[in-house]
Amino acid sequence: MAKANNTSVMFFNLALMLSLLLIISMAEARLIFGGVQVFGKKDQAPACVTVHGVVSGETCFSVTQTFNLTTEFFSAINPNLNCDAIFVGQWLCVSGTVV
């Protein structure tokens, strides 16, 4: 009876270790392939080609006018931009691709 109980504990420990290894390998795969989502789709991130350094007196609107950009594109290519807190020397993307 003790041998049968020992075997079941051994199989339980083996299943637990395999589960842990599976979880670790999945986490490592996310670190290695961070830009790839399930089924091979990539994250849709903007790709900047040209940047502009903000000068004194510029606003988001004036930058869009200077570079002939739509506000939708400008917002998409600069996703973390807060136009209420724009500052001199800040780099803004003015040309690129939005997927």
C-alpha atoms as a PDB file:
ATOM      1  CA  MET A   1       0.000   0.000   0.000  1.00  0.00           C
ATOM      2  CA  ALA A   2       2.839   2.402   0.817  1.00  0.00           C
ATOM      3  CA  LYS A   3       4.431   1.754  -2.582  1.00  0.00           C
ATOM      4  CA  ALA A   4       1.205   2.655  -4.433  1.00  0.00           C
ATOM      5  CA  ASN A   5       0.871   5.856  -2.414  1.00  0.00           C
ATOM      6  CA  ASN A   6       4.513   6.697  -3.098  1.00  0.00           C
ATOM      7  CA  THR A   7       3.953   6.224  -6.840  1.00  0.00           C
ATOM      8  CA  SER A   8       0.963   8.562  -6.888  1.00  0.00           C
ATOM      9  CA  VAL A   9       2.939  11.233  -5.024  1.00  0.00           C
ATOM     10  CA  MET A  10       5.773  10.816  -7.532  1.00  0.00           C
ATOM     11  CA  PHE A  11       3.366  11.248 -10.480  1.00  0.00           C
ATOM     12  CA  PHE A  12       1.785  14.275  -8.822  1.00  0.00           C
ATOM     13  CA  ASN A  13       5.231  15.848  -8.349  1.00  0.00           C
ATOM     14  CA  LEU A  14       6.114  15.060 -11.966  1.00  0.00           C
ATOM     15  CA  ALA A  15       2.887  16.687 -13.212  1.00  0.00           C
ATOM     16  CA  LEU A  16       3.568  19.706 -11.030  1.00  0.00           C
ATOM     17  CA  MET A  17       7.110  20.070 -12.382  1.00  0.00           C
ATOM     18  CA  LEU A  18       5.921  19.737 -15.996  1.00  0.00           C
ATOM     19  CA  SER A  19       3.275  22.389 -15.403  1.00  0.00           C
ATOM     20  CA  LEU A  20       5.872  24.718 -13.933  1.00  0.00           C
ATOM     21  CA  LEU A  21       8.204  24.163 -16.894  1.00  0.00           C
ATOM     22  CA  LEU A  22       5.349  24.849 -19.313  1.00  0.00           C
ATOM     23  CA  ILE A  23       4.492  28.116 -17.565  1.00  0.00           C
ATOM     24  CA  ILE A  24       8.140  29.216 -17.533  1.00  0.00           C
ATOM     25  CA  SER A  25       8.604  28.400 -21.219  1.00  0.00           C
ATOM     26  CA  MET A  26       5.483  30.390 -22.125  1.00  0.00           C
ATOM     27  CA  ALA A  27       6.754  33.377 -20.133  1.00  0.00           C
ATOM     28  CA  GLU A  28      10.164  33.152 -21.790  1.00  0.00           C
ATOM     29  CA  ALA A  29       8.553  32.999 -25.233  1.00  0.00           C
ATOM     30  CA  ARG A  30       6.704  36.237 -24.488  1.00  0.00           C
ATOM     31  CA  LEU A  31       9.988  37.894 -23.540  1.00  0.00           C
ATOM     32  CA  ILE A  32      11.758  36.658 -26.664  1.00  0.00           C
ATOM     33  CA  PHE A  33       8.879  37.252 -29.066  1.00  0.00           C
ATOM     34  CA  GLY A  34       7.422  40.306 -27.296  1.00  0.00           C
ATOM     35  CA  GLY A  35       6.159  41.965 -30.481  1.00  0.00           C
ATOM     36  CA  VAL A  36       4.290  38.879 -31.656  1.00  0.00           C
ATOM     37  CA  GLN A  37       0.797  38.186 -30.457  1.00  0.00           C
ATOM     38  CA  VAL A  38      -1.161  34.959 -30.673  1.00  0.00           C
ATOM     39  CA  PHE A  39      -1.460  33.575 -34.225  1.00  0.00           C
ATOM     40  CA  GLY A  40       1.578  35.544 -35.413  1.00  0.00           C
ATOM     41  CA  LYS A  41       0.029  39.021 -35.573  1.00  0.00           C
ATOM     42  CA  LYS A  42       2.434  41.836 -34.705  1.00  0.00           C
ATOM     43  CA  ASP A  43       1.608  44.747 -32.444  1.00  0.00           C
ATOM     44  CA  GLN A  44       0.418  47.712 -34.430  1.00  0.00           C
ATOM     45  CA  ALA A  45       2.992  50.310 -33.465  1.00  0.00           C
ATOM     46  CA  PRO A  46       3.852  53.502 -35.307  1.00  0.00           C
ATOM     47  CA  ALA A  47       7.230  53.712 -37.029  1.00  0.00           C
ATOM     48  CA  CYS A  48       8.786  57.165 -37.029  1.00  0.00           C
ATOM     49  CA  VAL A  49      10.939  58.295 -39.972  1.00  0.00           C
ATOM     50  CA  THR A  50      11.434  62.031 -39.319  1.00  0.00           C
ATOM     51  CA  VAL A  51      11.389  63.941 -36.025  1.00  0.00           C
ATOM     52  CA  HIS A  52      11.064  67.639 -35.237  1.00  0.00           C
ATOM     53  CA  GLY A  53      12.331  69.448 -32.150  1.00  0.00           C
ATOM     54  CA  VAL A  54       9.736  71.827 -30.725  1.00  0.00           C
ATOM     55  CA  VAL A  55      10.807  75.481 -30.678  1.00  0.00           C
ATOM     56  CA  SER A  56       9.464  78.342 -28.602  1.00  0.00           C
ATOM     57  CA  GLY A  57       5.886  79.300 -29.450  1.00  0.00           C
ATOM     58  CA  GLU A  58       4.958  76.059 -31.220  1.00  0.00           C
ATOM     59  CA  THR A  59       1.842  74.083 -30.435  1.00  0.00           C
ATOM     60  CA  CYS A  60       0.602  70.722 -31.666  1.00  0.00           C
ATOM     61  CA  PHE A  61      -1.655  72.568 -34.086  1.00  0.00           C
ATOM     62  CA  SER A  62       1.169  74.688 -35.501  1.00  0.00           C
ATOM     63  CA  VAL A  63       3.341  71.591 -36.000  1.00  0.00           C
ATOM     64  CA  THR A  64       0.545  69.852 -37.902  1.00  0.00           C
ATOM     65  CA  GLN A  65       0.138  72.947 -40.068  1.00  0.00           C
ATOM     66  CA  THR A  66       3.890  73.328 -40.703  1.00  0.00           C
ATOM     67  CA  PHE A  67       4.318  69.711 -41.794  1.00  0.00           C
ATOM     68  CA  ASN A  68       0.887  69.436 -43.470  1.00  0.00           C
ATOM     69  CA  LEU A  69      -0.304  66.615 -41.206  1.00  0.00           C
ATOM     70  CA  THR A  70      -3.802  65.610 -40.256  1.00  0.00           C
ATOM     71  CA  THR A  71      -4.537  65.650 -36.549  1.00  0.00           C
ATOM     72  CA  GLU A  72      -5.480  61.941 -36.735  1.00  0.00           C
ATOM     73  CA  PHE A  73      -2.100  60.987 -38.227  1.00  0.00           C
ATOM     74  CA  PHE A  74      -0.192  63.279 -35.859  1.00  0.00           C
ATOM     75  CA  SER A  75      -1.931  61.709 -32.855  1.00  0.00           C
ATOM     76  CA  ALA A  76      -1.369  58.187 -34.154  1.00  0.00           C
ATOM     77  CA  ILE A  77       2.326  58.700 -34.890  1.00  0.00           C
ATOM     78  CA  ASN A  78       2.848  60.356 -31.453  1.00  0.00           C
ATOM     79  CA  PRO A  79       0.627  58.129 -29.254  1.00  0.00           C
ATOM     80  CA  ASN A  80       1.938  59.333 -25.872  1.00  0.00           C
ATOM     81  CA  LEU A  81       1.893  63.034 -26.691  1.00  0.00           C
ATOM     82  CA  ASN A  82       0.111  65.418 -24.354  1.00  0.00           C
ATOM     83  CA  CYS A  83      -0.504  68.582 -26.388  1.00  0.00           C
ATOM     84  CA  ASP A  84      -1.356  70.520 -23.199  1.00  0.00           C
ATOM     85  CA  ALA A  85       2.186  69.937 -21.909  1.00  0.00           C
ATOM     86  CA  ILE A  86       4.305  70.362 -25.058  1.00  0.00           C
ATOM     87  CA  PHE A  87       7.742  71.853 -24.296  1.00  0.00           C
ATOM     88  CA  VAL A  88      10.704  73.388 -26.125  1.00  0.00           C
ATOM     89  CA  GLY A  89      13.149  70.701 -27.258  1.00  0.00           C
ATOM     90  CA  GLN A  90      10.569  67.917 -27.212  1.00  0.00           C
ATOM     91  CA  TRP A  91      10.965  65.541 -30.147  1.00  0.00           C
ATOM     92  CA  LEU A  92       7.812  64.962 -32.186  1.00  0.00           C
ATOM     93  CA  CYS A  93       7.437  62.479 -34.988  1.00  0.00           C
ATOM     94  CA  VAL A  94       6.320  64.255 -38.163  1.00  0.00           C
ATOM     95  CA  SER A  95       6.798  61.512 -40.759  1.00  0.00           C
ATOM     96  CA  GLY A  96       6.408  57.755 -40.603  1.00  0.00           C
ATOM     97  CA  THR A  97       3.964  54.920 -40.858  1.00  0.00           C
ATOM     98  CA  VAL A  98       1.024  53.937 -38.754  1.00  0.00           C
ATOM     99  CA  VAL A  99      -0.034  50.335 -39.282  1.00  0.00           C
END
